[in-house]
Amino acid sequence: MKRSALRGARGDAGMSTAEYAVGTIAAAALAAVLYQVLTSDTVVSLLRGTIEQAFSGPL
């Protein structure tokens, strides 16, 4: 029983590293897309308009 459990654990030795690599690549890709969206002219102008409106309101 112990031998079969150990044999199964050895078969997945590199699996964690591969999963971390895929997760890291996916996170980097998501960050790149988010950066592109947030720095687009449309979003920048919306944010600028919102901030200007907040500061130009009545005191």
PDB file of N, CA and C in Angstrom:
ATOM      1  N   MET A   1       0.821  -1.196   0.000  1.00  0.00           N
ATOM      2  CA  MET A   1       0.000   0.000   0.000  1.00  0.00           C
ATOM      3  C   MET A   1       0.865   1.259   0.000  1.00  0.00           C
ATOM      4  N   LYS A   2       1.906   1.286   0.810  1.00  0.00           N
ATOM      5  CA  LYS A   2       2.761   2.466   0.866  1.00  0.00           C
ATOM      6  C   LYS A   2       3.518   2.669  -0.432  1.00  0.00           C
ATOM      7  N   ARG A   3       3.937   1.578  -1.058  1.00  0.00           N
ATOM      8  CA  ARG A   3       4.690   1.711  -2.309  1.00  0.00           C
ATOM      9  C   ARG A   3       3.843   2.349  -3.400  1.00  0.00           C
ATOM     10  N   SER A   4       2.592   1.959  -3.497  1.00  0.00           N
ATOM     11  CA  SER A   4       1.749   2.539  -4.548  1.00  0.00           C
ATOM     12  C   SER A   4       1.474   4.020  -4.278  1.00  0.00           C
ATOM     13  N   ALA A   5       1.357   4.401  -3.026  1.00  0.00           N
ATOM     14  CA  ALA A   5       1.147   5.813  -2.702  1.00  0.00           C
ATOM     15  C   ALA A   5       2.386   6.626  -3.038  1.00  0.00           C
ATOM     16  N   LEU A   6       3.552   6.105  -2.737  1.00  0.00           N
ATOM     17  CA  LEU A   6       4.794   6.807  -3.057  1.00  0.00           C
ATOM     18  C   LEU A   6       5.020   6.883  -4.555  1.00  0.00           C
ATOM     19  N   ARG A   7       4.693   5.831  -5.252  1.00  0.00           N
ATOM     20  CA  ARG A   7       4.874   5.811  -6.699  1.00  0.00           C
ATOM     21  C   ARG A   7       3.985   6.861  -7.357  1.00  0.00           C
ATOM     22  N   GLY A   8       2.771   7.031  -6.868  1.00  0.00           N
ATOM     23  CA  GLY A   8       1.868   8.037  -7.420  1.00  0.00           C
ATOM     24  C   GLY A   8       2.343   9.447  -7.139  1.00  0.00           C
ATOM     25  N   ALA A   9       2.935   9.666  -5.990  1.00  0.00           N
ATOM     26  CA  ALA A   9       3.430  10.996  -5.638  1.00  0.00           C
ATOM     27  C   ALA A   9       4.619  11.379  -6.503  1.00  0.00           C
ATOM     28  N   ARG A  10       5.447  10.435  -6.838  1.00  0.00           N
ATOM     29  CA  ARG A  10       6.612  10.729  -7.682  1.00  0.00           C
ATOM     30  C   ARG A  10       6.192  11.099  -9.098  1.00  0.00           C
ATOM     31  N   GLY A  11       5.089  10.559  -9.581  1.00  0.00           N
ATOM     32  CA  GLY A  11       4.640  10.838 -10.938  1.00  0.00           C
ATOM     33  C   GLY A  11       4.197  12.283 -11.139  1.00  0.00           C
ATOM     34  N   ASP A  12       3.798  12.954 -10.084  1.00  0.00           N
ATOM     35  CA  ASP A  12       3.332  14.338 -10.173  1.00  0.00           C
ATOM     36  C   ASP A  12       4.364  15.339  -9.673  1.00  0.00           C
ATOM     37  N   ALA A  13       5.615  14.954  -9.629  1.00  0.00           N
ATOM     38  CA  ALA A  13       6.644  15.809  -9.028  1.00  0.00           C
ATOM     39  C   ALA A  13       6.749  17.166  -9.724  1.00  0.00           C
ATOM     40  N   GLY A  14       6.639  17.220 -11.045  1.00  0.00           N
ATOM     41  CA  GLY A  14       6.788  18.487 -11.758  1.00  0.00           C
ATOM     42  C   GLY A  14       5.488  19.221 -11.998  1.00  0.00           C
ATOM     43  N   MET A  15       4.395  18.659 -11.565  1.00  0.00           N
ATOM     44  CA  MET A  15       3.098  19.245 -11.859  1.00  0.00           C
ATOM     45  C   MET A  15       2.904  20.599 -11.187  1.00  0.00           C
ATOM     46  N   SER A  16       3.335  20.763  -9.963  1.00  0.00           N
ATOM     47  CA  SER A  16       3.144  22.037  -9.268  1.00  0.00           C
ATOM     48  C   SER A  16       3.871  23.169  -9.979  1.00  0.00           C
ATOM     49  N   THR A  17       5.082  22.908 -10.424  1.00  0.00           N
ATOM     50  CA  THR A  17       5.859  23.932 -11.112  1.00  0.00           C
ATOM     51  C   THR A  17       5.173  24.350 -12.408  1.00  0.00           C
ATOM     52  N   ALA A  18       4.654  23.397 -13.150  1.00  0.00           N
ATOM     53  CA  ALA A  18       3.960  23.713 -14.401  1.00  0.00           C
ATOM     54  C   ALA A  18       2.695  24.527 -14.130  1.00  0.00           C
ATOM     55  N   GLU A  19       1.979  24.168 -13.083  1.00  0.00           N
ATOM     56  CA  GLU A  19       0.766  24.916 -12.754  1.00  0.00           C
ATOM     57  C   GLU A  19       1.098  26.342 -12.334  1.00  0.00           C
ATOM     58  N   TYR A  20       2.166  26.515 -11.572  1.00  0.00           N
ATOM     59  CA  TYR A  20       2.584  27.868 -11.189  1.00  0.00           C
ATOM     60  C   TYR A  20       2.997  28.674 -12.411  1.00  0.00           C
ATOM     61  N   ALA A  21       3.666  28.047 -13.349  1.00  0.00           N
ATOM     62  CA  ALA A  21       4.099  28.749 -14.561  1.00  0.00           C
ATOM     63  C   ALA A  21       2.892  29.205 -15.378  1.00  0.00           C
ATOM     64  N   VAL A  22       1.916  28.341 -15.544  1.00  0.00           N
ATOM     65  CA  VAL A  22       0.710  28.704 -16.295  1.00  0.00           C
ATOM     66  C   VAL A  22      -0.049  29.813 -15.568  1.00  0.00           C
ATOM     67  N   GLY A  23      -0.143  29.708 -14.254  1.00  0.00           N
ATOM     68  CA  GLY A  23      -0.815  30.748 -13.479  1.00  0.00           C
ATOM     69  C   GLY A  23      -0.108  32.088 -13.575  1.00  0.00           C
ATOM     70  N   THR A  24       1.216  32.066 -13.562  1.00  0.00           N
ATOM     71  CA  THR A  24       1.996  33.299 -13.676  1.00  0.00           C
ATOM     72  C   THR A  24       1.815  33.936 -15.041  1.00  0.00           C
ATOM     73  N   ILE A  25       1.829  33.130 -16.085  1.00  0.00           N
ATOM     74  CA  ILE A  25       1.628  33.647 -17.444  1.00  0.00           C
ATOM     75  C   ILE A  25       0.220  34.224 -17.587  1.00  0.00           C
ATOM     76  N   ALA A  26      -0.769  33.539 -17.029  1.00  0.00           N
ATOM     77  CA  ALA A  26      -2.144  34.032 -17.100  1.00  0.00           C
ATOM     78  C   ALA A  26      -2.290  35.354 -16.343  1.00  0.00           C
ATOM     79  N   ALA A  27      -1.656  35.459 -15.186  1.00  0.00           N
ATOM     80  CA  ALA A  27      -1.725  36.705 -14.412  1.00  0.00           C
ATOM     81  C   ALA A  27      -1.037  37.845 -15.152  1.00  0.00           C
ATOM     82  N   ALA A  28       0.086  37.559 -15.789  1.00  0.00           N
ATOM     83  CA  ALA A  28       0.794  38.596 -16.548  1.00  0.00           C
ATOM     84  C   ALA A  28      -0.031  39.044 -17.754  1.00  0.00           C
ATOM     85  N   ALA A  29      -0.690  38.102 -18.415  1.00  0.00           N
ATOM     86  CA  ALA A  29      -1.533  38.447 -19.561  1.00  0.00           C
ATOM     87  C   ALA A  29      -2.724  39.297 -19.119  1.00  0.00           C
ATOM     88  N   LEU A  30      -3.328  38.941 -17.997  1.00  0.00           N
ATOM     89  CA  LEU A  30      -4.446  39.723 -17.476  1.00  0.00           C
ATOM     90  C   LEU A  30      -3.990  41.127 -17.090  1.00  0.00           C
ATOM     91  N   ALA A  31      -2.819  41.231 -16.488  1.00  0.00           N
ATOM     92  CA  ALA A  31      -2.283  42.546 -16.124  1.00  0.00           C
ATOM     93  C   ALA A  31      -2.027  43.393 -17.366  1.00  0.00           C
ATOM     94  N   ALA A  32      -1.534  42.776 -18.429  1.00  0.00           N
ATOM     95  CA  ALA A  32      -1.272  43.516 -19.669  1.00  0.00           C
ATOM     96  C   ALA A  32      -2.570  44.029 -20.284  1.00  0.00           C
ATOM     97  N   VAL A  33      -3.596  43.198 -20.295  1.00  0.00           N
ATOM     98  CA  VAL A  33      -4.892  43.617 -20.840  1.00  0.00           C
ATOM     99  C   VAL A  33      -5.485  44.732 -19.981  1.00  0.00           C
ATOM    100  N   LEU A  34      -5.418  44.580 -18.668  1.00  0.00           N
ATOM    101  CA  LEU A  34      -5.945  45.603 -17.771  1.00  0.00           C
ATOM    102  C   LEU A  34      -5.206  46.922 -17.946  1.00  0.00           C
ATOM    103  N   TYR A  35      -3.910  46.865 -18.120  1.00  0.00           N
ATOM    104  CA  TYR A  35      -3.116  48.075 -18.350  1.00  0.00           C
ATOM    105  C   TYR A  35      -3.543  48.761 -19.647  1.00  0.00           C
ATOM    106  N   GLN A  36      -3.744  47.978 -20.700  1.00  0.00           N
ATOM    107  CA  GLN A  36      -4.167  48.543 -21.983  1.00  0.00           C
ATOM    108  C   GLN A  36      -5.531  49.215 -21.864  1.00  0.00           C
ATOM    109  N   VAL A  37      -6.439  48.599 -21.129  1.00  0.00           N
ATOM    110  CA  VAL A  37      -7.779  49.172 -20.968  1.00  0.00           C
ATOM    111  C   VAL A  37      -7.717  50.453 -20.145  1.00  0.00           C
ATOM    112  N   LEU A  38      -6.985  50.415 -19.033  1.00  0.00           N
ATOM    113  CA  LEU A  38      -6.948  51.578 -18.141  1.00  0.00           C
ATOM    114  C   LEU A  38      -6.180  52.755 -18.714  1.00  0.00           C
ATOM    115  N   THR A  39      -5.293  52.511 -19.658  1.00  0.00           N
ATOM    116  CA  THR A  39      -4.543  53.614 -20.259  1.00  0.00           C
ATOM    117  C   THR A  39      -5.113  54.036 -21.611  1.00  0.00           C
ATOM    118  N   SER A  40      -6.254  53.469 -21.988  1.00  0.00           N
ATOM    119  CA  SER A  40      -6.881  53.872 -23.246  1.00  0.00           C
ATOM    120  C   SER A  40      -7.443  55.284 -23.103  1.00  0.00           C
ATOM    121  N   ASP A  41      -7.582  55.960 -24.218  1.00  0.00           N
ATOM    122  CA  ASP A  41      -8.060  57.345 -24.209  1.00  0.00           C
ATOM    123  C   ASP A  41      -9.451  57.469 -23.599  1.00  0.00           C
ATOM    124  N   THR A  42     -10.308  56.508 -23.860  1.00  0.00           N
ATOM    125  CA  THR A  42     -11.675  56.559 -23.351  1.00  0.00           C
ATOM    126  C   THR A  42     -11.701  56.522 -21.829  1.00  0.00           C
ATOM    127  N   VAL A  43     -10.992  55.572 -21.253  1.00  0.00           N
ATOM    128  CA  VAL A  43     -10.995  55.424 -19.795  1.00  0.00           C
ATOM    129  C   VAL A  43     -10.292  56.605 -19.131  1.00  0.00           C
ATOM    130  N   VAL A  44      -9.194  57.053 -19.716  1.00  0.00           N
ATOM    131  CA  VAL A  44      -8.474  58.197 -19.143  1.00  0.00           C
ATOM    132  C   VAL A  44      -9.357  59.439 -19.146  1.00  0.00           C
ATOM    133  N   SER A  45     -10.079  59.673 -20.236  1.00  0.00           N
ATOM    134  CA  SER A  45     -10.950  60.854 -20.284  1.00  0.00           C
ATOM    135  C   SER A  45     -12.117  60.722 -19.308  1.00  0.00           C
ATOM    136  N   LEU A  46     -12.656  59.519 -19.138  1.00  0.00           N
ATOM    137  CA  LEU A  46     -13.724  59.317 -18.156  1.00  0.00           C
ATOM    138  C   LEU A  46     -13.224  59.585 -16.740  1.00  0.00           C
ATOM    139  N   LEU A  47     -12.054  59.068 -16.417  1.00  0.00           N
ATOM    140  CA  LEU A  47     -11.484  59.300 -15.090  1.00  0.00           C
ATOM    141  C   LEU A  47     -11.171  60.777 -14.867  1.00  0.00           C
ATOM    142  N   ARG A  48     -10.603  61.413 -15.876  1.00  0.00           N
ATOM    143  CA  ARG A  48     -10.272  62.834 -15.760  1.00  0.00           C
ATOM    144  C   ARG A  48     -11.543  63.656 -15.554  1.00  0.00           C
ATOM    145  N   GLY A  49     -12.592  63.362 -16.320  1.00  0.00           N
ATOM    146  CA  GLY A  49     -13.855  64.079 -16.175  1.00  0.00           C
ATOM    147  C   GLY A  49     -14.471  63.885 -14.799  1.00  0.00           C
ATOM    148  N   THR A  50     -14.406  62.666 -14.282  1.00  0.00           N
ATOM    149  CA  THR A  50     -14.952  62.387 -12.954  1.00  0.00           C
ATOM    150  C   THR A  50     -14.190  63.139 -11.875  1.00  0.00           C
ATOM    151  N   ILE A  51     -12.874  63.145 -11.978  1.00  0.00           N
ATOM    152  CA  ILE A  51     -12.052  63.846 -10.987  1.00  0.00           C
ATOM    153  C   ILE A  51     -12.269  65.353 -11.070  1.00  0.00           C
ATOM    154  N   GLU A  52     -12.321  65.900 -12.285  1.00  0.00           N
ATOM    155  CA  GLU A  52     -12.556  67.340 -12.440  1.00  0.00           C
ATOM    156  C   GLU A  52     -13.925  67.736 -11.903  1.00  0.00           C
ATOM    157  N   GLN A  53     -14.916  66.898 -12.138  1.00  0.00           N
ATOM    158  CA  GLN A  53     -16.259  67.182 -11.638  1.00  0.00           C
ATOM    159  C   GLN A  53     -16.277  67.144 -10.110  1.00  0.00           C
ATOM    160  N   ALA A  54     -15.544  66.215  -9.526  1.00  0.00           N
ATOM    161  CA  ALA A  54     -15.505  66.119  -8.064  1.00  0.00           C
ATOM    162  C   ALA A  54     -14.857  67.351  -7.448  1.00  0.00           C
ATOM    163  N   PHE A  55     -13.822  67.872  -8.088  1.00  0.00           N
ATOM    164  CA  PHE A  55     -13.123  69.034  -7.537  1.00  0.00           C
ATOM    165  C   PHE A  55     -13.803  70.365  -7.871  1.00  0.00           C
ATOM    166  N   SER A  56     -14.630  70.396  -8.895  1.00  0.00           N
ATOM    167  CA  SER A  56     -15.274  71.654  -9.273  1.00  0.00           C
ATOM    168  C   SER A  56     -16.655  71.820  -8.649  1.00  0.00           C
ATOM    169  N   GLY A  57     -17.076  70.861  -7.855  1.00  0.00           N
ATOM    170  CA  GLY A  57     -18.384  70.941  -7.208  1.00  0.00           C
ATOM    171  C   GLY A  57     -18.420  72.006  -6.132  1.00  0.00           C
ATOM    172  N   PRO A  58     -19.621  72.258  -5.595  1.00  0.00           N
ATOM    173  CA  PRO A  58     -19.758  73.286  -4.548  1.00  0.00           C
ATOM    174  C   PRO A  58     -19.015  72.888  -3.276  1.00  0.00           C
ATOM    175  N   LEU A  59     -18.492  73.872  -2.608  1.00  0.00           N
ATOM    176  CA  LEU A  59     -17.752  73.616  -1.370  1.00  0.00           C
ATOM    177  C   LEU A  59     -18.659  73.612  -0.204  1.00  0.00           C
TER     178      LEU A  59
END
